[in-house]
Protein backbone atom coordinates (compact mmCIF):
# COMPACT_ATOMS: atom_id res chain seq x y z
CA UNK A 1 159.45 9.82 -0.64
CA UNK A 2 159.18 12.74 1.79
CA UNK A 3 161.31 12.94 4.94
CA UNK A 4 160.17 14.33 8.24
CA UNK A 5 162.06 15.30 11.44
CA UNK A 6 161.03 11.99 12.97
CA UNK A 7 162.50 9.99 10.05
CA UNK A 8 165.97 11.46 10.64
CA UNK A 9 165.99 11.91 14.41
CA UNK A 10 167.95 9.38 16.36
CA UNK A 11 165.95 6.82 18.31
CA UNK A 12 165.28 7.72 21.99
CA UNK A 13 166.48 5.01 24.35
CA UNK A 14 166.75 4.91 28.11
CA UNK A 15 169.27 3.06 30.18
CA UNK A 16 166.99 2.27 33.09
CA UNK A 17 163.30 2.46 33.99
CA UNK A 18 161.81 3.20 37.43
CA UNK A 19 158.07 2.81 37.75
CA UNK A 20 156.99 4.80 40.77
CA UNK A 21 154.01 3.44 42.73
CA UNK A 22 152.40 4.79 45.88
CA UNK A 23 151.84 2.29 48.68
CA UNK A 24 149.98 2.54 51.97
CA UNK A 25 152.29 0.31 53.98
CA UNK A 26 155.88 0.07 52.76
CA UNK A 27 156.88 -2.86 54.98
CA UNK A 28 153.88 -4.93 53.98
CA UNK A 29 154.44 -4.12 50.29
CA UNK A 30 158.11 -5.19 50.58
CA UNK A 31 157.08 -8.46 52.25
CA UNK A 32 154.50 -9.04 49.45
CA UNK A 33 157.05 -8.71 46.70
CA UNK A 34 159.70 -10.72 48.60
CA UNK A 35 157.17 -13.52 48.74
CA UNK A 36 157.00 -13.39 44.95
CA UNK A 37 160.74 -13.89 44.79
CA UNK A 38 161.87 -10.32 44.14
CA UNK A 39 164.52 -8.37 46.04
CA UNK A 40 165.26 -4.74 46.86
CA UNK A 41 168.23 -2.51 46.38
CA UNK A 42 169.16 -1.38 49.90
CA UNK A 43 170.96 1.71 48.53
CA UNK A 44 167.63 3.16 47.45
CA UNK A 45 165.45 1.84 50.29
CA UNK A 46 164.57 3.66 53.43
CA UNK A 47 161.39 4.42 55.53
CA UNK A 48 159.84 6.35 52.60
CA UNK A 49 160.77 4.30 49.59
CA UNK A 50 161.91 0.89 48.48
CA UNK A 51 163.64 0.00 45.21
CA UNK A 52 162.07 -3.19 43.88
CA UNK A 53 164.42 -4.97 41.45
CA UNK A 54 162.47 -6.39 38.53
CA UNK A 55 165.49 -7.16 36.36
CA UNK A 56 168.65 -5.68 34.97
CA UNK A 57 167.98 -1.93 34.87
CA UNK A 58 164.25 -2.51 35.59
CA UNK A 59 162.87 -1.17 38.87
CA UNK A 60 159.74 -0.06 40.66
CA UNK A 61 160.02 2.45 43.37
CA UNK A 62 157.44 1.73 46.04
CA UNK A 63 156.82 5.09 47.74
CA UNK A 64 154.70 5.94 50.77
CA UNK A 65 151.78 8.14 49.80
CA UNK A 66 153.21 11.30 51.35
CA UNK A 67 156.57 10.72 49.72
CA UNK A 68 154.95 9.95 46.34
CA UNK A 69 152.77 13.09 46.54
CA UNK A 70 155.93 15.10 47.09
CA UNK A 71 157.11 14.17 43.60
CA UNK A 72 153.78 13.83 41.71
CA UNK A 73 152.09 16.78 39.93
CA UNK A 74 148.72 15.44 41.20
CA UNK A 75 147.84 13.45 44.30
CA UNK A 76 147.85 9.63 44.06
CA UNK A 77 144.47 8.06 43.38
CA UNK A 78 143.14 5.17 45.44
CA UNK A 79 144.59 2.37 43.28
CA UNK A 80 142.14 -0.17 44.62
CA UNK A 81 139.38 1.96 43.02
CA UNK A 82 141.18 3.42 39.94
CA UNK A 83 143.62 1.88 37.56
CA UNK A 84 146.40 4.31 36.86
CA UNK A 85 148.92 1.91 35.30
CA UNK A 86 149.25 -1.66 34.05
CA UNK A 87 152.71 -2.96 34.82
CA UNK A 88 153.49 -5.89 32.44
CA UNK A 89 156.28 -8.26 33.23
CA UNK A 90 157.63 -10.76 30.63
CA UNK A 91 158.57 -14.11 32.21
CA UNK A 92 160.31 -17.19 30.78
CA UNK A 93 157.56 -19.76 30.92
CA UNK A 94 153.88 -20.53 31.49
CA UNK A 95 154.82 -22.25 34.71
CA UNK A 96 156.59 -19.17 35.98
CA UNK A 97 153.60 -17.00 35.09
CA UNK A 98 151.30 -19.28 37.02
CA UNK A 99 153.80 -19.54 39.95
CA UNK A 100 154.14 -15.72 40.32
CA UNK A 101 150.31 -15.26 40.28
CA UNK A 102 149.92 -18.11 42.80
CA UNK A 103 152.57 -16.55 45.08
CA UNK A 104 150.89 -13.18 44.78
CA UNK A 105 147.51 -14.55 45.81
CA UNK A 106 149.09 -16.49 48.76
CA UNK A 107 150.81 -13.24 49.83
CA UNK A 108 147.52 -11.28 49.99
CA UNK A 109 147.08 -10.14 46.45
CA UNK A 110 144.29 -11.09 44.14
CA UNK A 111 143.79 -12.22 40.55
CA UNK A 112 141.62 -9.93 38.36
CA UNK A 113 140.84 -12.37 35.51
CA UNK A 114 141.32 -15.87 34.35
CA UNK A 115 144.55 -16.73 32.52
CA UNK A 116 144.33 -16.11 28.79
CA UNK A 117 146.06 -18.11 26.06
CA UNK A 118 146.27 -16.00 22.93
CA UNK A 119 148.30 -18.70 21.05
CA UNK A 120 151.43 -16.47 20.69
CA UNK A 121 151.17 -15.28 24.36
CA UNK A 122 150.06 -16.70 27.65
CA UNK A 123 148.92 -13.98 30.12
CA UNK A 124 147.68 -13.78 33.64
CA UNK A 125 147.85 -11.12 36.34
CA UNK A 126 147.32 -10.05 39.90
CA UNK A 127 146.76 -6.96 41.96
CA UNK A 128 149.14 -6.15 44.78
CA UNK A 129 148.22 -5.10 48.30
CA UNK A 130 147.52 -1.54 47.10
CA UNK A 131 145.45 -2.62 44.05
CA UNK A 132 148.13 -1.96 41.47
CA UNK A 133 147.66 -4.18 38.42
CA UNK A 134 150.59 -6.42 37.45
CA UNK A 135 150.28 -8.43 34.27
CA UNK A 136 152.60 -11.38 33.82
CA UNK A 137 153.03 -13.10 30.50
CA UNK A 138 155.24 -15.27 28.29
CA UNK A 139 155.54 -14.79 24.52
CA UNK A 140 155.94 -17.83 22.31
CA UNK A 141 155.82 -16.00 19.02
CA UNK A 142 154.54 -12.89 17.25
CA UNK A 143 150.90 -11.91 17.19
CA UNK A 144 149.06 -12.72 13.94
CA UNK A 145 148.88 -9.86 11.45
CA UNK A 146 145.41 -8.65 10.76
């Protein structure tokens, strides 16, 4: 058996994740996510950015377009016309998946497909006020091996 550098290298792990998303109206985006039951870290929230708490060590930074473009190597695309990222959130039950999607639609978001039951996973999703795609799902097992 041969060994490569990747076989012996330690695994890369991170302690936190921050998904940075450009938003047109920070206050409206914050109200949208609060309606879904999320909160924000006030230590990392100001008039340019808001730190959306998704879970322990899981965050999304909602950044105004000018602020986002100050960090990004390329300007932000119009997310209502282009899909730059799919943010997938694992939830604890089918009911919670349906509840979050219902809340998103009630708060001004939209669904982009019908819910899908893959047997081992139930999935649904929504787009936020800026058109970012958020998939929400619950896993009940492992996918079948092909």
